Amino acid sequence: MNTLYDDLRATLHSIWQRRWLALAVAWVVCVLGWLGVTMVPNSYESRARVFVQLYDPLATQVGINDADRKASIDKVRDSLTGTLNLEKVIRETRLGENITSRKQMDSAVAGLAKAIKITSEQDNLFTITARSSSLRLSDGENAKVSRDVVQKLIDIFKAENMDGGQGEMKQTLQFLDQQLASRQGELQAAEQRRLAFETAHPELAQGGTSLIQRLEQGRAAIRGLDADIAAAQGSLAAINAQITSTPQTLTVAGAAGGAKGQLAQVQADLEMMRARGLTENHPDVISARNQIAFLRRQAKKDGGSMIATAGTPNPTYATLEATRAERQANLQSLQARRAAAATEIEQIAGQQFSNPALVQEAQNISRDYDVLKSQYDKMLTDRENLRLKGQVVSARGTAKVDVLDPPVMPRAPVAPNRPLLLLLVLVGGAVAGLGVAFAASEMQSSFATTSKLERTTGLPVLGAISQSLTAEAQASQARKARNFYVASVALGGVFALLLAMEFIQRGSIA
């Protein structure tokens, strides 16, 4: 431990003996380093946040969905850093000054592309950042340029969004108009051929429907009529069954009809219940049967003491008769329509067999017309949808752009951190001076302590003679020490001065 302590003392003593060399090296390193730091231009950065609203009910109604809007926004974001847009930014800001050649413009575009950064914090929230550190511009001008670049990018973003690919939309609409005009000519020619054929062969006039289609339609109509006829026949059979079980007249007792008249009335009521569909287990039916049994026993006891009863028309029976007549008329109408449809099918089949060549020609003309008509209608619908979509995009854009945080002029540079660099240069100069002094001491063959001399030579050291200075030598040594301290403090003063100038310069920009 004593040896390590002695070595440390010896090293410090050696460096102290060469302190002027260390100080000179520190001065040289610090001056050169500080000159380099002052030559590095300040970089000023401005940023803005832009919110893009994707939802638009009207845009959704005309076919502009979320995927279309996101694709459009991604396209705009990628195109912002494209060469054409960067050239616009350069020409409209101070970056375009003194640019006279294509090579200079390409170099400026490449530099600006590195200085611009567009990041997406969310799906619809973007941050646009621009940095300016031009050597030919002052700090204030660089700060203003960084703000102007971000503002121009926002303007381009809005312009691109409002444009929404209108050029492509116009080209697409022009192409569809040309195709529609061509299809319209072909459709008119096909219609003229069809009219000429129907005029020459009125018996094959189809009214836009082919014979095969008419035949299939007739067969489908017959199948439907057969089902309706079967349902009408079943309904008529059901009403006939009800009429059979319903009496035409009702027996009503006289003034003193007695039990026999009441029995006839209850029997008529029971029949009406059964005609309505009531089962034998229904409470009303059971009650009527019990009442009939009681009245029959009572009628046997009364014998011939009753007055004759009279019969009246049954209103239920009359209603059932009217319903049956209506259903019979409906069935006859369906049968007549089926007979007419069957006759039409026979006529169509006869036309096919009588002149198959004309029938085939009629079918070909109708088929060509139908194909052209469907293509024309679909293309016309697509053209109208695209036209409406283009109008919405022109009026509103594919999305709504809101600037949440507009770009402002930066108050302080973001790079370099000049105070830290100045301090690092000062520390580096001090370290370099100490290192040079230490290396110089190691290169000499003198020894600062007797112990180091013993370790180096391996011989015992009997003693050491202390240095004795005269008064003049002591005064000279004190004067040199004061000069050294003044030079060291001057180095720190230069550092403080540079640091103060840096803060003053930042304050003038703010």
Protein backbone atom coordinates (compact mmCIF):
# COMPACT_ATOMS: atom_id res chain seq x y z
CA MET A 1 0.00 0.00 0.00
CA ASN A 2 2.89 2.36 0.84
CA THR A 3 4.47 1.55 -2.51
CA LEU A 4 1.28 2.46 -4.38
CA TYR A 5 1.01 5.67 -2.42
CA ASP A 6 4.62 6.55 -3.17
CA ASP A 7 4.09 5.85 -6.88
CA LEU A 8 1.03 8.09 -6.96
CA ARG A 9 2.94 10.89 -5.26
CA ALA A 10 5.83 10.44 -7.65
CA THR A 11 3.49 10.55 -10.68
CA LEU A 12 1.78 13.71 -9.48
CA HIS A 13 5.11 15.30 -8.73
CA SER A 14 6.38 14.47 -12.21
CA ILE A 15 3.25 15.94 -13.81
CA TRP A 16 3.52 19.04 -11.62
CA GLN A 17 7.10 19.53 -12.70
CA ARG A 18 5.80 19.59 -16.31
CA ARG A 19 2.64 21.58 -15.59
CA TRP A 20 3.42 24.17 -18.23
CA LEU A 21 3.57 21.49 -20.88
CA ALA A 22 0.23 20.11 -19.66
CA LEU A 23 -1.32 23.57 -19.67
CA ALA A 24 -0.03 24.34 -23.16
CA VAL A 25 -1.43 21.07 -24.53
CA ALA A 26 -4.77 21.77 -22.79
CA TRP A 27 -4.92 25.22 -24.35
CA VAL A 28 -4.16 23.90 -27.82
CA VAL A 29 -6.71 21.08 -27.56
CA CYS A 30 -9.42 23.33 -26.10
CA VAL A 31 -8.92 26.12 -28.63
CA LEU A 32 -9.04 23.71 -31.57
CA GLY A 33 -11.99 21.81 -30.10
CA TRP A 34 -13.97 24.94 -29.32
CA LEU A 35 -13.34 26.24 -32.82
CA GLY A 36 -14.71 22.98 -34.18
CA VAL A 37 -17.78 23.18 -31.94
CA THR A 38 -18.52 26.74 -33.03
CA MET A 39 -18.28 25.66 -36.67
CA VAL A 40 -21.05 23.06 -36.23
CA PRO A 41 -24.33 24.72 -37.35
CA ASN A 42 -27.35 24.74 -35.09
CA SER A 43 -30.23 22.49 -36.12
CA TYR A 44 -33.72 23.86 -35.57
CA GLU A 45 -36.72 21.54 -35.62
CA SER A 46 -40.41 22.34 -36.04
CA ARG A 47 -43.27 19.89 -35.86
CA ALA A 48 -47.03 19.69 -36.21
CA ARG A 49 -49.70 17.12 -35.46
CA VAL A 50 -52.44 16.44 -38.00
CA PHE A 51 -55.66 14.54 -37.32
CA VAL A 52 -57.36 12.84 -40.27
CA GLN A 53 -61.03 12.04 -39.78
CA LEU A 54 -61.94 8.95 -41.79
CA TYR A 55 -65.69 8.71 -41.06
CA ASP A 56 -68.05 10.42 -43.47
CA PRO A 57 -71.64 9.14 -43.84
CA LEU A 58 -72.13 10.64 -47.31
CA ALA A 59 -68.85 9.15 -48.56
CA THR A 60 -69.97 5.75 -47.27
CA GLN A 61 -73.28 6.05 -49.12
CA VAL A 62 -71.55 6.64 -52.47
CA GLY A 63 -69.12 3.75 -52.05
CA ILE A 64 -66.09 5.40 -50.40
CA ASN A 65 -65.44 2.97 -47.55
CA ASP A 66 -62.82 3.00 -44.79
CA ALA A 67 -60.39 0.92 -46.83
CA ASP A 68 -60.54 3.46 -49.70
CA ARG A 69 -59.96 6.37 -47.33
CA LYS A 70 -57.04 4.68 -45.55
CA ALA A 71 -55.44 3.76 -48.86
CA SER A 72 -55.83 7.36 -50.01
CA ILE A 73 -54.26 8.70 -46.81
CA ASP A 74 -51.35 6.25 -47.06
CA LYS A 75 -50.83 7.32 -50.63
CA VAL A 76 -50.81 11.01 -49.67
CA ARG A 77 -48.43 10.36 -46.77
CA ASP A 78 -46.00 8.48 -49.01
CA SER A 79 -46.23 11.08 -51.75
CA LEU A 80 -45.42 13.93 -49.34
CA THR A 81 -41.78 12.88 -49.30
CA GLY A 82 -41.71 12.33 -53.05
CA THR A 83 -39.40 14.31 -55.31
CA LEU A 84 -42.11 16.49 -56.86
CA ASN A 85 -43.55 17.60 -53.54
CA LEU A 86 -40.12 18.21 -52.03
CA GLU A 87 -39.26 20.38 -55.04
CA LYS A 88 -42.42 22.40 -54.38
CA VAL A 89 -41.36 22.92 -50.77
CA ILE A 90 -37.84 23.97 -51.80
CA ARG A 91 -39.06 26.45 -54.40
CA GLU A 92 -41.59 28.03 -52.02
CA THR A 93 -39.14 28.48 -49.11
CA ARG A 94 -35.69 29.99 -48.66
CA LEU A 95 -34.17 26.61 -49.40
CA GLY A 96 -34.66 27.34 -53.10
CA GLU A 97 -32.48 30.45 -53.12
CA ASN A 98 -29.38 30.30 -55.33
CA ILE A 99 -30.45 26.97 -56.87
CA THR A 100 -29.91 27.27 -60.60
CA SER A 101 -29.11 23.76 -61.84
CA ARG A 102 -30.71 20.36 -61.77
CA LYS A 103 -27.79 18.97 -59.81
CA GLN A 104 -28.23 21.55 -57.08
CA MET A 105 -31.95 20.82 -56.92
CA ASP A 106 -31.33 17.07 -56.64
CA SER A 107 -28.86 17.68 -53.84
CA ALA A 108 -31.34 19.95 -52.02
CA VAL A 109 -34.12 17.37 -52.44
CA ALA A 110 -31.93 14.60 -51.02
CA GLY A 111 -31.01 16.75 -48.03
CA LEU A 112 -34.60 17.78 -47.38
CA ALA A 113 -35.78 14.16 -47.59
CA LYS A 114 -33.40 13.30 -44.74
CA ALA A 115 -34.56 16.31 -42.71
CA ILE A 116 -38.29 15.43 -42.94
CA LYS A 117 -39.92 12.72 -40.88
CA ILE A 118 -43.60 11.73 -40.95
CA THR A 119 -44.73 9.33 -38.24
CA SER A 120 -48.14 7.85 -37.45
CA GLU A 121 -49.02 7.84 -33.75
CA GLN A 122 -52.38 6.22 -34.48
CA ASP A 123 -54.30 5.20 -37.59
CA ASN A 124 -55.47 8.76 -38.14
CA LEU A 125 -52.97 10.91 -36.19
CA PHE A 126 -49.77 12.01 -37.93
CA THR A 127 -46.75 14.00 -36.75
CA ILE A 128 -44.81 15.97 -39.38
CA THR A 129 -41.28 17.01 -38.34
CA ALA A 130 -38.76 19.09 -40.31
CA ARG A 131 -35.19 20.09 -39.36
CA SER A 132 -33.07 22.90 -40.84
CA SER A 133 -29.31 23.39 -40.30
CA SER A 134 -28.08 25.20 -43.40
CA LEU A 135 -24.61 26.76 -43.12
CA ARG A 136 -25.52 29.67 -45.37
CA LEU A 137 -28.47 30.66 -43.17
CA SER A 138 -28.43 32.27 -39.77
CA ASP A 139 -29.98 30.65 -36.73
CA GLY A 140 -33.12 32.74 -37.03
CA GLU A 141 -33.45 31.89 -40.71
CA ASN A 142 -32.98 28.18 -40.03
CA ALA A 143 -35.68 28.31 -37.36
CA LYS A 144 -38.07 30.04 -39.77
CA VAL A 145 -37.26 27.61 -42.59
CA SER A 146 -38.05 24.59 -40.39
CA ARG A 147 -41.46 26.06 -39.59
CA ASP A 148 -42.15 26.99 -43.25
CA VAL A 149 -41.25 23.49 -44.44
CA VAL A 150 -43.76 21.88 -42.05
CA GLN A 151 -46.46 24.38 -43.05
CA LYS A 152 -45.89 23.70 -46.76
CA LEU A 153 -46.12 19.96 -46.14
CA ILE A 154 -49.46 20.47 -44.36
CA ASP A 155 -50.72 22.57 -47.27
CA ILE A 156 -49.66 19.87 -49.72
CA PHE A 157 -51.34 17.24 -47.51
CA LYS A 158 -54.62 19.13 -47.64
CA ALA A 159 -54.32 19.80 -51.37
CA GLU A 160 -53.59 16.15 -52.12
CA ASN A 161 -56.53 15.07 -49.96
CA MET A 162 -58.92 17.50 -51.65
CA ASP A 163 -57.67 16.39 -55.04
CA GLY A 164 -58.37 12.78 -54.06
CA GLY A 165 -57.16 11.43 -57.40
CA GLN A 166 -59.46 13.60 -59.47
CA GLY A 167 -57.20 13.21 -62.47
CA GLU A 168 -57.53 9.44 -62.34
CA MET A 169 -61.27 9.79 -61.78
CA LYS A 170 -61.62 12.00 -64.87
CA GLN A 171 -59.65 9.55 -66.99
CA THR A 172 -61.80 6.68 -65.76
CA LEU A 173 -65.01 8.58 -66.51
CA GLN A 174 -63.75 9.46 -69.99
CA PHE A 175 -62.98 5.80 -70.66
CA LEU A 176 -66.43 4.74 -69.43
CA ASP A 177 -68.07 7.42 -71.60
CA GLN A 178 -66.26 6.08 -74.65
CA GLN A 179 -67.29 2.52 -73.84
CA LEU A 180 -70.87 3.62 -73.23
CA ALA A 181 -70.99 5.39 -76.58
CA SER A 182 -69.70 2.24 -78.29
CA ARG A 183 -72.17 -0.01 -76.44
CA GLN A 184 -75.01 2.39 -77.20
CA GLY A 185 -74.29 2.16 -80.93
CA GLU A 186 -74.19 -1.63 -80.78
CA LEU A 187 -77.40 -1.70 -78.73
CA GLN A 188 -79.22 0.54 -81.20
CA ALA A 189 -78.08 -1.65 -84.11
CA ALA A 190 -79.31 -4.80 -82.30
CA GLU A 191 -82.63 -3.12 -81.57
CA GLN A 192 -83.03 -2.14 -85.24
CA ARG A 193 -82.35 -5.75 -86.27
CA ARG A 194 -84.94 -7.00 -83.82
CA LEU A 195 -87.58 -4.50 -84.99
CA ALA A 196 -86.91 -5.33 -88.65
CA PHE A 197 -87.25 -9.06 -87.95
CA GLU A 198 -90.49 -8.62 -85.98
CA THR A 199 -91.90 -6.43 -88.78
CA ALA A 200 -91.08 -9.11 -91.36
CA HIS A 201 -92.32 -11.97 -89.16
CA PRO A 202 -95.07 -10.65 -86.87
CA GLU A 203 -96.05 -14.19 -85.92
CA LEU A 204 -92.68 -14.49 -84.18
CA ALA A 205 -92.88 -11.10 -82.49
CA GLN A 206 -91.36 -11.68 -79.08
CA GLY A 207 -91.43 -8.32 -77.37
CA GLY A 208 -87.91 -8.79 -76.13
CA THR A 209 -88.45 -12.40 -74.94
CA SER A 210 -87.17 -15.47 -76.77
CA LEU A 211 -89.44 -18.38 -77.68
CA ILE A 212 -87.62 -20.65 -75.28
CA GLN A 213 -88.09 -18.13 -72.48
CA ARG A 214 -91.78 -17.77 -73.38
CA LEU A 215 -92.12 -21.55 -73.40
CA GLU A 216 -90.48 -21.86 -69.98
CA GLN A 217 -92.60 -19.02 -68.65
CA GLY A 218 -95.77 -20.71 -69.95
CA ARG A 219 -94.82 -24.04 -68.39
CA ALA A 220 -94.05 -22.31 -65.09
CA ALA A 221 -97.43 -20.55 -65.28
CA ILE A 222 -99.19 -23.90 -65.89
CA ARG A 223 -97.43 -25.43 -62.89
CA GLY A 224 -98.60 -22.54 -60.77
CA LEU A 225 -102.15 -22.77 -62.11
CA ASP A 226 -102.22 -26.53 -61.42
CA ALA A 227 -101.30 -25.88 -57.81
CA ASP A 228 -103.97 -23.18 -57.54
CA ILE A 229 -106.57 -25.47 -59.15
CA ALA A 230 -105.76 -28.27 -56.70
CA ALA A 231 -106.10 -25.87 -53.78
CA ALA A 232 -109.43 -24.54 -55.15
CA GLN A 233 -110.79 -28.08 -55.61
CA GLY A 234 -109.85 -28.99 -52.03
CA SER A 235 -111.51 -25.84 -50.74
CA LEU A 236 -114.68 -26.61 -52.77
CA ALA A 237 -114.78 -30.18 -51.42
CA ALA A 238 -114.53 -28.90 -47.87
CA ILE A 239 -117.43 -26.46 -48.33
CA ASN A 240 -119.54 -29.22 -49.94
CA ALA A 241 -118.95 -31.42 -46.89
CA GLN A 242 -120.10 -28.62 -44.60
CA ILE A 243 -123.23 -28.02 -46.70
CA THR A 244 -124.10 -31.73 -46.56
CA SER A 245 -124.02 -31.75 -42.76
CA THR A 246 -125.99 -28.48 -42.42
CA PRO A 247 -129.86 -28.51 -42.47
CA GLN A 248 -131.60 -26.23 -44.94
CA THR A 249 -134.35 -25.25 -42.44
CA LEU A 250 -134.66 -24.88 -38.70
CA THR A 251 -137.65 -26.38 -36.81
CA VAL A 252 -139.20 -23.88 -34.39
CA ALA A 253 -141.86 -24.86 -31.81
CA GLY A 254 -145.27 -23.21 -31.83
CA ALA A 255 -146.90 -21.23 -29.05
CA ALA A 256 -147.12 -24.36 -26.88
CA GLY A 257 -144.77 -26.60 -28.64
CA GLY A 258 -143.78 -28.45 -25.51
CA ALA A 259 -140.79 -30.81 -25.24
CA LYS A 260 -140.96 -31.97 -28.86
CA GLY A 261 -140.43 -28.45 -30.22
CA GLN A 262 -137.56 -27.84 -27.83
CA LEU A 263 -136.04 -31.17 -28.87
CA ALA A 264 -136.08 -30.14 -32.53
CA GLN A 265 -134.46 -26.80 -31.70
CA VAL A 266 -131.64 -28.40 -29.62
CA GLN A 267 -131.03 -31.00 -32.37
CA ALA A 268 -130.67 -28.18 -34.93
CA ASP A 269 -128.22 -26.38 -32.61
CA LEU A 270 -126.16 -29.58 -32.25
CA GLU A 271 -125.91 -29.96 -36.01
CA MET A 272 -124.73 -26.38 -36.37
CA MET A 273 -122.03 -27.02 -33.74
CA ARG A 274 -120.79 -30.06 -35.66
CA ALA A 275 -120.86 -28.05 -38.92
CA ARG A 276 -118.56 -25.48 -37.30
CA GLY A 277 -116.08 -28.26 -36.56
CA LEU A 278 -116.72 -28.82 -32.84
CA THR A 279 -115.71 -32.31 -31.70
CA GLU A 280 -117.88 -34.68 -29.65
CA ASN A 281 -115.74 -33.92 -26.60
CA HIS A 282 -116.47 -30.19 -26.71
CA PRO A 283 -118.39 -29.01 -23.61
CA ASP A 284 -121.14 -27.39 -25.71
CA VAL A 285 -121.66 -30.58 -27.70
CA ILE A 286 -121.77 -32.72 -24.55
CA SER A 287 -124.31 -30.33 -22.97
CA ALA A 288 -126.48 -30.41 -26.14
CA ARG A 289 -126.46 -34.23 -26.17
CA ASN A 290 -127.46 -34.40 -22.55
CA GLN A 291 -130.27 -31.89 -23.16
CA ILE A 292 -131.52 -33.95 -26.16
CA ALA A 293 -131.64 -37.10 -24.06
CA PHE A 294 -133.65 -35.31 -21.38
CA LEU A 295 -136.08 -33.80 -23.91
CA ARG A 296 -136.64 -37.18 -25.60
CA ARG A 297 -137.72 -38.71 -22.25
CA GLN A 298 -139.95 -35.69 -21.64
CA ALA A 299 -141.53 -35.97 -25.13
CA LYS A 300 -142.47 -39.64 -24.50
CA LYS A 301 -144.26 -38.63 -21.34
CA ASP A 302 -146.16 -35.78 -23.05
CA GLY A 303 -147.46 -38.04 -25.87
CA GLY A 304 -149.62 -36.13 -28.45
CA SER A 305 -150.32 -33.02 -26.45
CA MET A 306 -147.90 -30.84 -28.59
CA ILE A 307 -148.93 -28.38 -31.27
CA ALA A 308 -147.33 -28.86 -34.75
CA THR A 309 -144.05 -27.09 -35.42
CA ALA A 310 -143.08 -24.96 -38.41
CA GLY A 311 -139.73 -24.84 -40.37
CA THR A 312 -137.67 -21.62 -41.18
CA PRO A 313 -134.70 -21.16 -43.60
CA ASN A 314 -131.27 -21.84 -42.03
CA PRO A 315 -129.04 -18.69 -42.47
CA THR A 316 -125.87 -20.80 -42.05
CA TYR A 317 -126.88 -22.97 -44.95
CA ALA A 318 -127.47 -19.90 -47.16
CA THR A 319 -124.03 -18.50 -46.29
CA LEU A 320 -122.35 -21.83 -47.14
CA GLU A 321 -124.17 -21.92 -50.47
CA ALA A 322 -122.89 -18.44 -51.39
CA THR A 323 -119.34 -19.46 -50.47
CA ARG A 324 -119.60 -22.61 -52.59
CA ALA A 325 -120.77 -20.60 -55.60
CA GLU A 326 -117.81 -18.20 -55.23
CA ARG A 327 -115.32 -21.06 -54.99
CA GLN A 328 -116.84 -22.80 -58.00
CA ALA A 329 -116.45 -19.59 -60.04
CA ASN A 330 -112.81 -19.26 -58.92
CA LEU A 331 -112.11 -22.86 -59.91
CA GLN A 332 -113.64 -22.35 -63.35
CA SER A 333 -111.54 -19.19 -63.85
CA LEU A 334 -108.32 -21.04 -62.99
CA GLN A 335 -109.23 -23.89 -65.33
CA ALA A 336 -109.90 -21.41 -68.14
CA ARG A 337 -106.51 -19.67 -67.57
CA ARG A 338 -104.77 -23.05 -67.63
CA ALA A 339 -106.44 -23.96 -70.89
CA ALA A 340 -105.31 -20.62 -72.43
CA ALA A 341 -101.73 -21.16 -71.21
CA ALA A 342 -101.70 -24.68 -72.61
CA THR A 343 -102.96 -23.37 -75.97
CA GLU A 344 -100.17 -20.72 -76.04
CA ILE A 345 -97.55 -23.39 -75.30
CA GLU A 346 -98.89 -25.51 -78.13
CA GLN A 347 -98.66 -22.52 -80.50
CA ILE A 348 -95.05 -21.77 -79.45
CA ALA A 349 -94.10 -25.42 -79.87
CA GLY A 350 -95.80 -25.43 -83.28
CA GLN A 351 -93.79 -22.37 -84.36
CA GLN A 352 -90.57 -24.08 -83.33
CA PHE A 353 -91.32 -27.16 -85.36
CA SER A 354 -92.85 -25.36 -88.38
CA ASN A 355 -89.86 -23.05 -89.13
CA PRO A 356 -86.87 -23.83 -86.88
CA ALA A 357 -84.48 -21.58 -88.86
CA LEU A 358 -86.57 -18.46 -88.25
CA VAL A 359 -87.06 -19.43 -84.62
CA GLN A 360 -83.30 -19.84 -84.16
CA GLU A 361 -82.67 -16.49 -85.80
CA ALA A 362 -85.25 -14.84 -83.54
CA GLN A 363 -83.61 -16.36 -80.50
CA ASN A 364 -80.15 -15.22 -81.61
CA ILE A 365 -81.38 -11.66 -82.18
CA SER A 366 -83.10 -11.60 -78.80
CA ARG A 367 -80.07 -13.07 -77.03
CA ASP A 368 -77.68 -10.53 -78.58
CA TYR A 369 -79.99 -7.70 -77.64
CA ASP A 370 -80.38 -8.92 -74.05
CA VAL A 371 -76.59 -9.28 -73.58
CA LEU A 372 -75.88 -5.82 -74.96
CA LYS A 373 -78.69 -4.31 -72.91
CA SER A 374 -77.46 -5.84 -69.63
CA GLN A 375 -73.88 -4.72 -70.33
CA TYR A 376 -75.00 -1.21 -71.17
CA ASP A 377 -77.18 -0.93 -68.05
CA LYS A 378 -74.37 -2.17 -65.79
CA MET A 379 -71.83 0.18 -67.35
CA LEU A 380 -74.25 3.09 -67.08
CA THR A 381 -74.80 2.34 -63.38
CA ASP A 382 -71.04 2.12 -62.77
CA ARG A 383 -70.49 5.41 -64.56
CA GLU A 384 -73.11 7.19 -62.45
CA ASN A 385 -71.67 5.77 -59.23
CA LEU A 386 -68.17 6.90 -60.17
CA ARG A 387 -69.41 10.33 -61.18
CA LEU A 388 -71.19 10.79 -57.85
CA LYS A 389 -68.13 9.51 -56.00
CA GLY A 390 -65.93 11.96 -57.89
CA GLN A 391 -68.24 14.86 -57.02
CA VAL A 392 -68.15 13.94 -53.33
CA VAL A 393 -64.36 13.66 -53.39
CA SER A 394 -64.08 17.02 -55.17
CA ALA A 395 -66.37 18.73 -52.66
CA ARG A 396 -65.20 17.09 -49.43
CA GLY A 397 -62.06 15.11 -50.15
CA THR A 398 -61.58 11.51 -49.05
CA ALA A 399 -61.08 12.57 -45.45
CA LYS A 400 -61.27 15.60 -43.19
CA VAL A 401 -57.90 17.04 -42.17
CA ASP A 402 -57.58 18.96 -38.89
CA VAL A 403 -54.31 20.52 -37.67
CA LEU A 404 -54.19 19.86 -33.92
CA ASP A 405 -50.79 21.45 -33.26
CA PRO A 406 -49.75 23.97 -35.94
CA PRO A 407 -46.02 24.43 -36.62
CA VAL A 408 -44.31 27.19 -34.62
CA MET A 409 -40.87 28.74 -34.86
CA PRO A 410 -38.51 26.82 -32.56
CA ARG A 411 -36.97 28.84 -29.74
CA ALA A 412 -33.85 26.74 -29.24
CA PRO A 413 -31.81 24.40 -31.41
CA VAL A 414 -32.31 20.68 -30.98
CA ALA A 415 -28.73 19.90 -32.02
CA PRO A 416 -25.93 20.12 -31.27
CA ASN A 417 -25.92 20.34 -27.49
CA ARG A 418 -23.26 23.02 -27.59
CA PRO A 419 -22.85 23.61 -23.81
CA LEU A 420 -22.20 19.91 -23.32
CA LEU A 421 -19.76 19.82 -26.22
CA LEU A 422 -17.87 22.83 -24.83
CA LEU A 423 -17.59 21.12 -21.46
CA LEU A 424 -16.42 17.88 -23.07
CA VAL A 425 -13.75 19.78 -24.99
CA LEU A 426 -12.54 21.40 -21.74
CA VAL A 427 -12.38 18.05 -19.99
CA GLY A 428 -10.68 16.51 -23.01
CA GLY A 429 -8.06 19.30 -23.08
CA ALA A 430 -7.28 18.79 -19.40
CA VAL A 431 -6.99 15.04 -19.83
CA ALA A 432 -4.80 15.49 -22.91
CA GLY A 433 -2.47 17.88 -21.03
CA LEU A 434 -2.13 15.52 -18.09
CA GLY A 435 -1.50 12.62 -20.43
CA VAL A 436 1.24 14.42 -22.33
CA ALA A 437 2.92 15.51 -19.09
CA PHE A 438 2.76 11.97 -17.72
CA ALA A 439 4.20 10.53 -20.94
CA ALA A 440 7.02 13.07 -20.89
CA SER A 441 7.87 12.17 -17.30
CA GLU A 442 7.96 8.48 -18.14
CA MET A 443 10.35 9.07 -21.02
CA GLN A 444 13.02 10.65 -18.74
CA SER A 445 15.43 8.63 -16.52
CA SER A 446 15.11 10.70 -13.34
CA PHE A 447 13.50 9.35 -10.19
CA ALA A 448 11.24 11.28 -7.91
CA THR A 449 11.62 9.01 -4.81
CA THR A 450 14.38 6.86 -3.30
CA SER A 451 12.11 3.82 -3.20
CA LYS A 452 11.53 3.97 -6.95
CA LEU A 453 15.33 4.24 -7.44
CA GLU A 454 15.86 1.13 -5.25
CA ARG A 455 13.23 -0.89 -7.18
CA THR A 456 14.67 0.13 -10.52
CA THR A 457 18.43 -0.41 -9.76
CA GLY A 458 18.16 -3.12 -7.14
CA LEU A 459 20.72 -1.31 -5.02
CA PRO A 460 20.20 0.12 -1.58
CA VAL A 461 19.87 3.88 -1.34
CA LEU A 462 21.61 5.32 1.67
CA GLY A 463 19.92 8.74 1.62
CA ALA A 464 18.59 11.72 -0.34
CA ILE A 465 19.54 15.37 -0.37
CA SER A 466 16.64 17.80 -0.14
CA GLN A 467 16.46 20.76 -2.54
CA SER A 468 17.31 24.07 -0.95
CA LEU A 469 16.21 27.28 -2.68
CA THR A 470 17.44 30.80 -2.17
CA ALA A 471 15.05 33.67 -1.57
CA GLU A 472 15.34 34.81 -5.17
CA ALA A 473 14.67 31.29 -6.42
CA GLN A 474 11.63 31.00 -4.14
CA ALA A 475 10.29 34.34 -5.41
CA SER A 476 10.80 33.22 -9.01
CA GLN A 477 9.05 29.96 -8.30
CA ALA A 478 6.09 31.76 -6.68
CA ARG A 479 5.84 34.11 -9.68
CA LYS A 480 5.75 31.15 -12.06
CA ALA A 481 3.05 29.50 -9.97
CA ARG A 482 0.92 32.66 -10.12
CA ASN A 483 1.35 32.79 -13.89
CA PHE A 484 0.30 29.15 -14.12
CA TYR A 485 -2.80 29.78 -12.07
CA VAL A 486 -3.69 32.82 -14.15
CA ALA A 487 -3.30 30.83 -17.40
CA SER A 488 -5.45 28.02 -15.99
CA VAL A 489 -8.13 30.44 -14.85
CA ALA A 490 -7.97 32.12 -18.27
CA LEU A 491 -8.73 28.76 -19.88
CA GLY A 492 -11.78 28.39 -17.66
CA GLY A 493 -12.74 31.99 -18.39
CA VAL A 494 -12.73 31.32 -22.14
CA PHE A 495 -15.00 28.34 -21.50
CA ALA A 496 -17.38 30.49 -19.46
CA LEU A 497 -17.36 33.19 -22.12
CA LEU A 498 -18.23 30.73 -24.87
CA LEU A 499 -20.97 29.28 -22.72
CA ALA A 500 -22.43 32.72 -22.04
CA MET A 501 -22.33 33.60 -25.75
CA GLU A 502 -24.23 30.41 -26.54
CA PHE A 503 -27.06 31.25 -24.15
CA ILE A 504 -27.17 34.85 -25.33
CA GLN A 505 -27.49 33.64 -28.94
CA ARG A 506 -30.32 31.29 -27.98
CA GLY A 507 -32.09 34.13 -26.21
CA SER A 508 -31.88 36.31 -29.31
CA ILE A 509 -33.55 33.55 -31.41
CA ALA A 510 -36.37 33.20 -28.89
